[in-house]
Amino acid sequence: MDVNKLLEIKEGSNMELKKAKNQVPKSFWETYSAFANTDGGIVIFGIDEKSKEVTGVTDAYKLRDDLFNILNNPSKVSANIISNKDIKIMELENGLKILIINVPEAPYNLKPIYLNGNPQEAYERLGEGDRKLSSEKFKALIVGAKKETDNELLKNYDLDDLDRETLEMYRKDLYDQTNNEKYKDIDFKEMLIELGAMRKNRQVNNEYLLTTGGLLFFGKYSSITDRFPGFQLDYFEKKSSLDTDWIDRVSTGDMAYPEMNVYKFLKIVLEKLNLTIKDTFILEEDSKTRLPYKSDLLTSVREALVNSLMHAYYDSDKPIKITAYPDYYEFINPGKMRVTVDEFIHGGTSDIRNHTMSSIMRRIGMSEKAGSGGPRIFDVAEKYKLKLPEVIRDQYSTSLRIWKVDLEKIIEKYPSPQKEILLYLIKYQSISRAEAEENLSIENYQFRVAINTLLKEGVIDLIGKGRATRYWLKTSSSEYSYSMKRLLRFVEDNFI
């Protein structure tokens, strides 16, 4: 490998350099904990982090063995998440050797990764630095390490803590969904036990107790906030993301919604989302039959709404926030989605934070087959040639944007020649200066100004240098993952 290429590497949120000439540096362990508790990252041994000088390591194989010995010492680190494939020894052109160590994000059930047998020595990665976890963030990772987070049995709670109107609504929906006479007048306690909203306390006297999932889904607002002080559900309809004013709002704690719980919020907001979707007339190209645009988009936003409620971390002091804008919908919930963006888009992988509420919703048809929501959301966007959804997994929250407009409509806001360049990129994926001059009649100076503007806005990327430079539409991780899914589907359909 060329030494000069290494000199271009800079430290960042996912990159750390360590001199590590003869031994594993003490500072590595804070970085190991931070990367493992955040989004993962790469550490390179053999580059001085201060001078950026490539110093190499004295004995790469001994250093690797020393690293594994310490990683597997439980008194040093709470868990080892690095395997042989995560460490590469690389020899440079000048004979020096470096170690490249990939620290993956730790599985949620192993978080937080901490040091020296002390849970208070747990770190996260913020910018280029490793920072100790606050007590609130530490608690979030501890709670998040549980397979289920809404099955806690609640002592000193009973049916009086539940909202009767909500129970009646659900019982009716259960009967309508199943047409089973059993559910027409089923006793509420019997219904809750069948749903798993109440469970037997096998550790004490086999008494049935309310679960936290049952409380969140059916509870009275005051009873919910006794257990979850930060409980907050918000829906806004706005004209613009820049507006502080809203057209419509649904919020827990408001006088208009005195007994708001998860189920009432789900029902009310779903109806309001339905009203924001215009029944656009769209024909299928081959059959010339009308496509069910409104129904399909409502399915997509319903999946996103249910996804937010099922995966939220309700012990957070941050709200679940749903916002409807003219061009897109935004769903934000506290709690990092447990599956990766790739797994969410491809489907088939499900790791739900709130199993009890998921099961309750599935019984009335609000939640489909586990792991199918992501593919359904992306397939609707592809079907109507909409801008693909955006999925962001932050350390303590998850955001999903679903667009109602196609790329060409978004591009209409740009002046010429930026608009012509972007439309060309949608059709042909990339463009060069010569192609712009030949196919779009854009002169060299105009092209340079337009391209620089688009580069500054982060809309496009460039590859190559000089005359070989080509410009591409910048794709998010969501867009890239979905393009890979489509490619695999094409291969399966045509070659397997």
Protein backbone atom coordinates (compact mmCIF):
# COMPACT_ATOMS: atom_id res chain seq x y z
CA MET A 1 0.00 0.00 0.00
CA ASP A 2 1.17 3.55 -0.82
CA VAL A 3 2.30 5.45 2.30
CA ASN A 4 1.04 8.72 0.78
CA LYS A 5 -2.51 7.34 0.75
CA LEU A 6 -2.28 6.78 4.50
CA LEU A 7 -1.30 10.41 5.01
CA GLU A 8 -4.68 11.44 3.57
CA ILE A 9 -6.56 9.62 6.35
CA LYS A 10 -8.08 11.92 8.95
CA GLU A 11 -9.54 11.12 12.35
CA GLY A 12 -13.29 11.43 12.61
CA SER A 13 -16.38 9.92 14.19
CA ASN A 14 -15.50 6.49 12.74
CA MET A 15 -11.71 6.72 12.41
CA GLU A 16 -8.96 6.80 15.04
CA LEU A 17 -5.16 6.76 14.61
CA LYS A 18 -2.74 5.39 17.23
CA LYS A 19 1.05 5.35 17.21
CA ALA A 20 1.16 2.01 19.08
CA LYS A 21 4.78 1.31 18.22
CA ASN A 22 5.43 -1.55 20.66
CA GLN A 23 2.24 -2.10 22.66
CA VAL A 24 -1.51 -1.55 22.75
CA PRO A 25 -1.92 2.05 23.95
CA LYS A 26 -4.08 2.70 27.02
CA SER A 27 -6.16 5.22 25.06
CA PHE A 28 -7.26 2.45 22.65
CA TRP A 29 -9.65 1.01 25.22
CA GLU A 30 -11.73 4.15 25.56
CA THR A 31 -12.02 4.22 21.76
CA TYR A 32 -12.93 0.51 21.71
CA SER A 33 -15.75 1.13 24.18
CA ALA A 34 -16.89 4.28 22.35
CA PHE A 35 -16.97 2.70 18.88
CA ALA A 36 -18.70 -0.43 20.22
CA ASN A 37 -21.38 1.61 22.00
CA THR A 38 -22.00 3.92 19.04
CA ASP A 39 -21.76 3.02 15.33
CA GLY A 40 -18.48 1.15 15.16
CA GLY A 41 -15.27 2.44 13.60
CA ILE A 42 -11.71 1.73 12.46
CA VAL A 43 -8.54 2.11 14.52
CA ILE A 44 -5.13 2.08 12.80
CA PHE A 45 -2.03 1.18 14.82
CA GLY A 46 1.19 2.60 13.35
CA ILE A 47 0.24 6.21 12.57
CA ASP A 48 1.06 9.00 15.03
CA GLU A 49 -2.26 10.70 15.76
CA LYS A 50 -0.56 14.06 16.44
CA SER A 51 2.02 14.37 13.66
CA LYS A 52 0.18 12.01 11.25
CA GLU A 53 3.58 10.39 10.60
CA VAL A 54 3.42 6.75 9.49
CA THR A 55 5.67 5.11 12.08
CA GLY A 56 4.58 1.49 11.67
CA VAL A 57 4.60 -1.09 14.47
CA THR A 58 7.61 -3.09 15.65
CA ASP A 59 6.07 -6.59 15.75
CA ALA A 60 2.61 -6.63 14.17
CA TYR A 61 1.81 -10.27 14.98
CA LYS A 62 2.81 -9.97 18.63
CA LEU A 63 0.76 -6.75 18.89
CA ARG A 64 -2.26 -8.53 17.41
CA ASP A 65 -1.89 -11.41 19.90
CA ASP A 66 -1.49 -8.98 22.81
CA LEU A 67 -4.66 -7.21 21.70
CA PHE A 68 -6.68 -10.45 21.62
CA ASN A 69 -5.32 -11.50 25.04
CA ILE A 70 -6.53 -8.27 26.63
CA LEU A 71 -9.84 -8.31 24.72
CA ASN A 72 -10.63 -11.70 26.20
CA ASN A 73 -9.81 -10.62 29.74
CA PRO A 74 -13.20 -9.87 31.39
CA SER A 75 -11.52 -7.76 34.06
CA LYS A 76 -10.38 -5.38 31.28
CA VAL A 77 -13.40 -5.25 28.95
CA SER A 78 -16.97 -6.42 29.52
CA ALA A 79 -17.12 -8.21 26.15
CA ASN A 80 -14.92 -8.93 23.14
CA ILE A 81 -16.69 -8.17 19.85
CA ILE A 82 -13.58 -8.38 17.63
CA SER A 83 -12.70 -11.55 15.69
CA ASN A 84 -9.84 -12.55 13.36
CA LYS A 85 -11.56 -11.05 10.34
CA ASP A 86 -11.64 -7.63 12.05
CA ILE A 87 -7.85 -7.26 12.26
CA LYS A 88 -5.67 -6.84 9.16
CA ILE A 89 -1.87 -6.60 9.11
CA MET A 90 -0.76 -4.52 6.14
CA GLU A 91 2.78 -4.08 4.82
CA LEU A 92 3.59 -0.75 3.19
CA GLU A 93 5.88 -0.04 0.24
CA ASN A 94 8.68 1.06 2.59
CA GLY A 95 8.52 -2.19 4.58
CA LEU A 96 6.66 -0.79 7.59
CA LYS A 97 3.67 -2.71 8.92
CA ILE A 98 0.44 -1.30 10.32
CA LEU A 99 -2.57 -2.90 12.05
CA ILE A 100 -6.06 -2.01 10.84
CA ILE A 101 -8.66 -2.88 13.48
CA ASN A 102 -12.36 -2.83 12.69
CA VAL A 103 -14.44 -2.31 15.83
CA PRO A 104 -18.05 -3.19 14.95
CA GLU A 105 -21.05 -1.77 16.71
CA ALA A 106 -21.80 -4.10 19.61
CA PRO A 107 -25.06 -6.11 19.57
CA TYR A 108 -27.68 -4.30 21.65
CA ASN A 109 -27.75 -7.15 24.20
CA LEU A 110 -24.04 -6.58 25.00
CA LYS A 111 -24.26 -2.80 25.37
CA PRO A 112 -22.89 -0.87 27.06
CA ILE A 113 -19.33 -2.14 26.59
CA TYR A 114 -17.37 -0.92 29.61
CA LEU A 115 -13.80 -1.15 30.97
CA ASN A 116 -11.96 -2.46 34.03
CA GLY A 117 -15.03 -4.18 35.48
CA ASN A 118 -16.56 -0.76 36.12
CA PRO A 119 -19.88 0.05 34.35
CA GLN A 120 -19.15 3.74 34.89
CA GLU A 121 -16.21 3.43 32.48
CA ALA A 122 -18.42 3.21 29.40
CA TYR A 123 -17.90 5.60 26.49
CA GLU A 124 -19.56 6.84 23.31
CA ARG A 125 -18.12 8.46 20.19
CA LEU A 126 -18.98 12.13 19.71
CA GLY A 127 -17.21 13.78 16.78
CA GLU A 128 -13.53 12.87 17.01
CA GLY A 129 -13.59 12.23 20.75
CA ASP A 130 -14.49 9.49 23.22
CA ARG A 131 -16.84 10.72 25.95
CA LYS A 132 -18.10 8.97 29.08
CA LEU A 133 -21.75 7.97 28.91
CA SER A 134 -24.07 10.10 31.02
CA SER A 135 -26.20 8.23 33.56
CA GLU A 136 -29.29 8.73 31.36
CA LYS A 137 -27.56 7.36 28.25
CA PHE A 138 -26.11 4.47 30.25
CA LYS A 139 -29.62 3.62 31.46
CA ALA A 140 -30.92 3.75 27.87
CA LEU A 141 -28.36 1.15 26.76
CA ILE A 142 -29.02 -1.06 29.81
CA VAL A 143 -32.78 -1.04 29.17
CA GLY A 144 -32.15 -1.48 25.45
CA ALA A 145 -30.10 -4.61 26.15
CA LYS A 146 -33.28 -6.45 27.16
CA LYS A 147 -34.90 -8.60 24.50
CA GLU A 148 -38.30 -7.19 25.44
CA THR A 149 -38.74 -3.83 27.12
CA ASP A 150 -42.52 -3.68 27.58
CA ASN A 151 -43.16 -6.93 29.48
CA GLU A 152 -42.31 -5.59 32.94
CA LEU A 153 -44.95 -6.67 35.49
CA LEU A 154 -46.42 -3.69 37.32
CA LYS A 155 -47.22 -4.04 41.01
CA ASN A 156 -49.88 -1.73 42.47
CA TYR A 157 -51.56 -1.32 39.04
CA ASP A 158 -54.94 -2.78 38.09
CA LEU A 159 -57.82 -2.39 35.61
CA ASP A 160 -58.70 0.99 37.14
CA ASP A 161 -55.47 2.34 35.59
CA LEU A 162 -56.77 1.55 32.10
CA ASP A 163 -59.05 3.74 29.98
CA ARG A 164 -62.41 2.00 29.55
CA GLU A 165 -63.17 3.80 26.26
CA THR A 166 -59.89 2.48 24.80
CA LEU A 167 -60.68 -1.06 25.93
CA GLU A 168 -64.11 -0.88 24.30
CA MET A 169 -62.60 0.50 21.07
CA TYR A 170 -60.07 -2.31 20.93
CA ARG A 171 -62.63 -5.02 21.75
CA LYS A 172 -64.81 -3.79 18.85
CA ASP A 173 -61.82 -3.73 16.47
CA LEU A 174 -60.84 -7.24 17.58
CA TYR A 175 -64.35 -8.51 16.88
CA ASP A 176 -64.51 -6.73 13.49
CA GLN A 177 -61.11 -8.13 12.51
CA THR A 178 -61.86 -11.74 13.45
CA ASN A 179 -65.68 -12.03 13.21
CA ASN A 180 -65.33 -14.29 16.23
CA GLU A 181 -68.36 -14.08 18.52
CA LYS A 182 -66.05 -14.82 21.43
CA TYR A 183 -64.72 -11.28 21.27
CA LYS A 184 -68.05 -9.45 20.98
CA ASP A 185 -68.53 -9.11 24.74
CA ILE A 186 -65.33 -10.65 26.09
CA ASP A 187 -64.45 -9.66 29.65
CA PHE A 188 -61.70 -7.02 29.61
CA LYS A 189 -59.40 -8.91 31.97
CA GLU A 190 -59.79 -12.10 29.95
CA MET A 191 -59.02 -10.13 26.77
CA LEU A 192 -55.92 -8.54 28.31
CA ILE A 193 -54.61 -11.91 29.48
CA GLU A 194 -55.10 -13.42 26.02
CA LEU A 195 -53.28 -10.46 24.43
CA GLY A 196 -50.35 -10.71 26.85
CA ALA A 197 -51.14 -7.25 28.22
CA MET A 198 -51.57 -8.98 31.59
CA ARG A 199 -49.25 -11.81 32.60
CA LYS A 200 -48.94 -14.23 35.48
CA ASN A 201 -46.47 -13.32 38.21
CA ARG A 202 -44.84 -16.73 38.54
CA GLN A 203 -42.25 -15.51 41.05
CA VAL A 204 -44.78 -14.74 43.78
CA ASN A 205 -48.39 -15.98 43.80
CA ASN A 206 -49.33 -16.53 40.13
CA GLU A 207 -51.46 -13.37 40.23
CA TYR A 208 -52.06 -11.71 36.85
CA LEU A 209 -50.40 -8.30 36.67
CA LEU A 210 -50.54 -5.55 34.08
CA THR A 211 -47.48 -5.24 31.83
CA THR A 212 -45.85 -1.95 30.85
CA GLY A 213 -46.93 -2.65 27.25
CA GLY A 214 -50.53 -3.05 28.36
CA LEU A 215 -50.33 0.18 30.37
CA LEU A 216 -48.84 2.16 27.45
CA PHE A 217 -51.37 0.82 24.98
CA PHE A 218 -54.59 0.99 27.04
CA GLY A 219 -53.73 3.15 30.05
CA LYS A 220 -55.07 6.38 31.45
CA TYR A 221 -52.69 9.25 30.84
CA SER A 222 -51.99 9.91 34.54
CA SER A 223 -51.32 6.22 35.19
CA ILE A 224 -48.94 6.02 32.23
CA THR A 225 -46.95 9.07 33.36
CA ASP A 226 -46.64 7.64 36.88
CA ARG A 227 -44.50 4.88 35.36
CA PHE A 228 -43.15 6.77 32.31
CA PRO A 229 -42.67 10.44 33.37
CA GLY A 230 -41.34 11.42 29.93
CA PHE A 231 -44.24 9.86 28.00
CA GLN A 232 -45.05 12.18 25.09
CA LEU A 233 -46.71 11.51 21.73
CA ASP A 234 -46.93 14.37 19.20
CA TYR A 235 -48.44 14.73 15.75
CA PHE A 236 -48.14 17.94 13.72
CA GLU A 237 -49.32 18.98 10.30
CA LYS A 238 -47.24 21.89 8.99
CA LYS A 239 -46.87 23.89 5.79
CA SER A 240 -43.08 23.80 6.02
CA SER A 241 -40.28 22.44 8.16
CA LEU A 242 -39.31 26.08 8.81
CA ASP A 243 -42.71 26.95 10.30
CA THR A 244 -43.09 27.06 14.06
CA ASP A 245 -46.88 27.24 13.68
CA TRP A 246 -48.91 24.15 12.90
CA ILE A 247 -52.12 23.52 10.96
CA ASP A 248 -53.18 20.60 13.12
CA ARG A 249 -51.84 18.96 16.28
CA VAL A 250 -52.43 15.89 18.43
CA SER A 251 -50.48 15.76 21.67
CA THR A 252 -50.61 13.86 24.95
CA GLY A 253 -51.48 16.12 27.85
CA ASP A 254 -53.62 18.49 25.76
CA MET A 255 -57.11 19.33 27.00
CA ALA A 256 -58.55 17.97 23.74
CA TYR A 257 -57.01 14.54 24.45
CA PRO A 258 -57.16 14.03 28.25
CA GLU A 259 -56.70 10.23 28.20
CA MET A 260 -54.27 9.83 25.31
CA ASN A 261 -52.47 6.49 25.19
CA VAL A 262 -50.64 4.64 22.40
CA TYR A 263 -53.81 3.09 20.93
CA LYS A 264 -55.83 6.31 20.81
CA PHE A 265 -52.85 8.13 19.31
CA LEU A 266 -52.47 5.42 16.66
CA LYS A 267 -56.15 5.59 15.67
CA ILE A 268 -56.44 9.38 15.64
CA VAL A 269 -53.17 10.05 13.84
CA LEU A 270 -53.79 7.37 11.22
CA GLU A 271 -57.07 9.06 10.32
CA LYS A 272 -55.39 12.46 10.12
CA LEU A 273 -52.61 11.08 7.93
CA ASN A 274 -55.28 9.64 5.64
CA LEU A 275 -56.75 13.12 5.18
CA THR A 276 -53.37 14.52 4.09
CA ILE A 277 -53.11 12.13 1.11
CA LYS A 278 -54.75 13.30 -2.10
CA ASP A 279 -56.19 10.57 -4.31
CA THR A 280 -53.94 11.26 -7.30
CA PHE A 281 -54.93 9.79 -10.66
CA ILE A 282 -52.06 7.56 -11.88
CA LEU A 283 -52.23 4.95 -14.66
CA GLU A 284 -50.18 1.76 -14.77
CA GLU A 285 -48.06 2.02 -17.93
CA ASP A 286 -48.75 -1.42 -19.41
CA SER A 287 -52.35 -2.18 -18.44
CA LYS A 288 -53.52 1.45 -18.39
CA THR A 289 -55.51 0.69 -15.23
CA ARG A 290 -55.70 3.19 -12.41
CA LEU A 291 -53.24 2.58 -9.57
CA PRO A 292 -54.44 2.79 -5.93
CA TYR A 293 -52.07 5.62 -5.00
CA LYS A 294 -53.93 6.83 -1.90
CA SER A 295 -54.39 3.33 -0.52
CA ASP A 296 -50.78 2.36 -1.16
CA LEU A 297 -49.32 5.52 0.37
CA LEU A 298 -51.60 5.18 3.39
CA THR A 299 -50.28 1.62 3.83
CA SER A 300 -46.76 3.01 3.72
CA VAL A 301 -47.34 5.72 6.35
CA ARG A 302 -49.29 3.30 8.53
CA GLU A 303 -46.32 0.93 8.53
CA ALA A 304 -44.04 3.83 9.48
CA LEU A 305 -46.35 4.97 12.29
CA VAL A 306 -46.66 1.45 13.70
CA ASN A 307 -42.90 0.98 13.36
CA SER A 308 -42.25 4.13 15.43
CA LEU A 309 -44.61 3.02 18.20
CA MET A 310 -43.33 -0.58 18.29
CA HIS A 311 -39.64 0.35 18.38
CA ALA A 312 -39.72 3.41 20.64
CA TYR A 313 -37.82 3.59 23.93
CA TYR A 314 -40.57 4.84 26.25
CA ASP A 315 -38.32 5.47 29.25
CA SER A 316 -36.78 8.35 27.30
CA ASP A 317 -37.59 11.99 28.02
CA LYS A 318 -37.77 12.59 24.24
CA PRO A 319 -41.14 12.44 22.43
CA ILE A 320 -42.35 10.26 19.62
CA LYS A 321 -42.92 12.90 16.95
CA ILE A 322 -44.87 12.47 13.71
CA THR A 323 -45.03 15.41 11.28
CA ALA A 324 -46.93 15.72 8.01
CA TYR A 325 -45.52 18.25 5.52
CA PRO A 326 -46.85 18.94 2.02
CA ASP A 327 -43.99 16.97 0.42
CA TYR A 328 -43.13 14.32 3.00
CA TYR A 329 -43.86 12.65 6.33
CA GLU A 330 -41.36 12.43 9.16
CA PHE A 331 -41.46 9.78 11.91
CA ILE A 332 -39.06 10.19 14.84
CA ASN A 333 -38.92 7.98 17.89
CA PRO A 334 -36.48 7.68 20.80
CA GLY A 335 -34.49 4.45 20.64
CA LYS A 336 -32.07 3.26 17.99
CA MET A 337 -33.65 0.82 15.54
CA ARG A 338 -32.22 -2.59 16.37
CA VAL A 339 -31.86 -3.77 12.77
CA THR A 340 -29.53 -2.06 10.30
CA VAL A 341 -30.81 0.11 7.45
CA ASP A 342 -29.96 -2.73 5.04
CA GLU A 343 -31.96 -5.24 7.10
CA PHE A 344 -34.91 -2.84 7.36
CA ILE A 345 -35.03 -2.35 3.58
CA HIS A 346 -34.47 -5.98 2.59
CA GLY A 347 -36.92 -7.33 5.19
CA GLY A 348 -37.12 -10.71 6.84
CA THR A 349 -35.16 -9.56 9.91
CA SER A 350 -37.18 -8.42 12.88
CA ASP A 351 -35.95 -7.33 16.29
CA ILE A 352 -38.75 -5.45 18.00
CA ARG A 353 -38.17 -3.50 21.19
CA ASN A 354 -41.79 -3.67 22.41
CA HIS A 355 -43.08 -7.20 21.77
CA THR A 356 -46.24 -6.88 23.84
CA MET A 357 -47.56 -3.85 21.93
CA SER A 358 -46.47 -5.38 18.65
CA SER A 359 -48.56 -8.47 19.37
CA ILE A 360 -51.55 -6.37 20.45
CA MET A 361 -51.41 -4.37 17.20
CA ARG A 362 -50.96 -7.45 15.06
CA ARG A 363 -54.15 -9.01 16.45
CA ILE A 364 -56.24 -6.23 14.90
CA GLY A 365 -54.32 -6.05 11.61
CA MET A 366 -52.40 -2.88 12.44
CA SER A 367 -49.06 -4.63 12.17
CA GLU A 368 -48.20 -7.03 9.38
CA LYS A 369 -45.75 -9.93 9.30
CA ALA A 370 -42.63 -9.17 11.32
CA GLY A 371 -39.84 -7.70 9.20
CA SER A 372 -42.11 -6.81 6.25
CA GLY A 373 -42.75 -3.13 6.97
CA GLY A 374 -39.51 -1.76 5.52
CA PRO A 375 -39.77 -3.52 2.13
CA ARG A 376 -43.42 -2.44 1.83
CA ILE A 377 -42.53 1.22 2.48
CA PHE A 378 -39.73 1.22 -0.10
CA ASP A 379 -41.70 -0.75 -2.69
CA VAL A 380 -44.53 1.82 -2.61
CA ALA A 381 -42.01 4.59 -3.30
CA GLU A 382 -40.52 2.63 -6.19
CA LYS A 383 -43.95 1.79 -7.62
CA TYR A 384 -44.89 5.47 -7.92
CA LYS A 385 -41.36 6.72 -8.72
CA LEU A 386 -41.25 8.79 -5.55
CA LYS A 387 -38.07 9.97 -3.89
CA LEU A 388 -36.92 7.00 -1.85
CA PRO A 389 -37.50 7.06 1.92
CA GLU A 390 -34.65 8.11 4.21
CA VAL A 391 -33.79 6.05 7.30
CA ILE A 392 -31.46 7.48 9.96
CA ARG A 393 -30.28 5.39 12.93
CA ASP A 394 -28.82 7.79 15.47
CA GLN A 395 -27.36 6.57 18.74
CA TYR A 396 -30.54 7.23 20.72
CA SER A 397 -33.24 7.78 18.10
CA THR A 398 -34.56 6.62 14.73
CA SER A 399 -35.93 8.84 11.95
CA LEU A 400 -37.83 7.85 8.81
CA ARG A 401 -38.93 10.18 6.02
CA ILE A 402 -41.50 9.10 3.46
CA TRP A 403 -41.78 11.36 0.40
CA LYS A 404 -44.95 12.20 -1.52
CA VAL A 405 -43.16 13.73 -4.51
CA ASP A 406 -40.93 12.35 -7.23
CA LEU A 407 -37.38 13.51 -7.87
CA GLU A 408 -38.32 15.54 -10.93
CA LYS A 409 -40.77 17.65 -8.91
CA ILE A 410 -38.12 18.27 -6.26
CA ILE A 411 -35.72 19.37 -8.97
CA GLU A 412 -38.20 21.94 -10.30
CA LYS A 413 -37.07 24.34 -7.56
CA TYR A 414 -33.60 24.58 -9.09
CA PRO A 415 -32.77 27.24 -11.71
CA SER A 416 -31.16 26.39 -15.04
CA PRO A 417 -28.66 24.90 -15.70
CA GLN A 418 -28.67 23.01 -12.34
CA LYS A 419 -32.11 21.63 -13.19
CA GLU A 420 -31.00 20.32 -16.60
CA ILE A 421 -27.94 18.67 -15.05
CA LEU A 422 -30.00 16.96 -12.33
CA LEU A 423 -32.62 15.72 -14.80
CA TYR A 424 -29.80 14.28 -16.92
CA LEU A 425 -28.34 12.56 -13.84
CA ILE A 426 -31.71 10.95 -13.00
CA LYS A 427 -31.82 9.46 -16.47
CA TYR A 428 -28.16 8.60 -17.07
CA GLN A 429 -26.72 8.39 -13.50
CA SER A 430 -23.56 10.44 -14.26
CA ILE A 431 -22.32 13.37 -16.36
CA SER A 432 -19.01 14.90 -17.47
CA ARG A 433 -18.25 18.46 -18.56
CA ALA A 434 -17.99 17.35 -22.21
CA GLU A 435 -21.38 15.56 -22.05
CA ALA A 436 -23.02 18.65 -20.57
CA GLU A 437 -21.67 20.78 -23.40
CA GLU A 438 -22.63 18.28 -26.11
CA ASN A 439 -26.03 17.06 -24.86
CA LEU A 440 -27.31 20.01 -22.82
CA SER A 441 -25.58 22.91 -24.62
CA ILE A 442 -24.21 24.16 -21.29
CA GLU A 443 -21.01 26.16 -21.67
CA ASN A 444 -17.91 25.41 -19.59
CA TYR A 445 -18.30 28.41 -17.23
CA GLN A 446 -22.03 27.78 -16.64
CA PHE A 447 -21.33 24.10 -15.99
CA ARG A 448 -18.59 24.88 -13.46
CA VAL A 449 -20.77 27.33 -11.53
CA ALA A 450 -23.77 24.97 -11.51
CA ILE A 451 -21.68 21.95 -10.46
CA ASN A 452 -19.99 23.88 -7.62
CA THR A 453 -23.41 24.92 -6.32
CA LEU A 454 -24.68 21.32 -6.36
CA LEU A 455 -21.49 20.07 -4.72
CA LYS A 456 -21.82 22.63 -1.90
CA GLU A 457 -25.43 21.60 -1.33
CA GLY A 458 -24.36 17.97 -1.08
CA VAL A 459 -26.64 16.91 -3.94
CA ILE A 460 -23.91 15.31 -6.08
CA ASP A 461 -20.55 13.53 -5.74
CA LEU A 462 -17.54 13.55 -8.03
CA ILE A 463 -15.20 10.77 -9.10
CA GLY A 464 -11.88 11.17 -10.91
CA LYS A 465 -9.70 14.16 -11.73
CA GLY A 466 -9.23 16.53 -14.64
CA ARG A 467 -10.95 15.55 -17.87
CA ALA A 468 -11.83 12.16 -16.40
CA THR A 469 -13.98 13.73 -13.67
CA ARG A 470 -17.58 12.52 -13.59
CA TYR A 471 -20.43 13.75 -11.40
CA TRP A 472 -23.05 11.47 -9.84
CA LEU A 473 -26.27 11.99 -7.92
CA LYS A 474 -25.46 11.58 -4.26
CA THR A 475 -27.32 8.60 -2.81
CA SER A 476 -28.17 8.09 0.84
CA SER A 477 -27.44 4.75 2.50
CA SER A 478 -31.16 4.00 2.12
CA GLU A 479 -31.11 4.64 -1.62
CA TYR A 480 -27.95 2.56 -2.08
CA SER A 481 -29.36 -0.34 -0.05
CA TYR A 482 -32.59 -0.34 -1.99
CA SER A 483 -30.75 -0.28 -5.33
CA MET A 484 -28.85 -3.38 -4.18
CA LYS A 485 -32.13 -5.07 -3.24
CA ARG A 486 -33.54 -4.37 -6.72
CA LEU A 487 -30.38 -5.75 -8.33
CA LEU A 488 -30.63 -8.98 -6.30
CA ARG A 489 -34.30 -9.30 -7.20
CA PHE A 490 -33.44 -8.89 -10.90
CA VAL A 491 -30.73 -11.58 -10.68
CA GLU A 492 -33.09 -13.99 -8.91
CA ASP A 493 -35.89 -13.41 -11.44
CA ASN A 494 -33.69 -13.75 -14.52
CA PHE A 495 -30.80 -16.06 -13.74
CA ILE A 496 -31.74 -18.36 -10.85
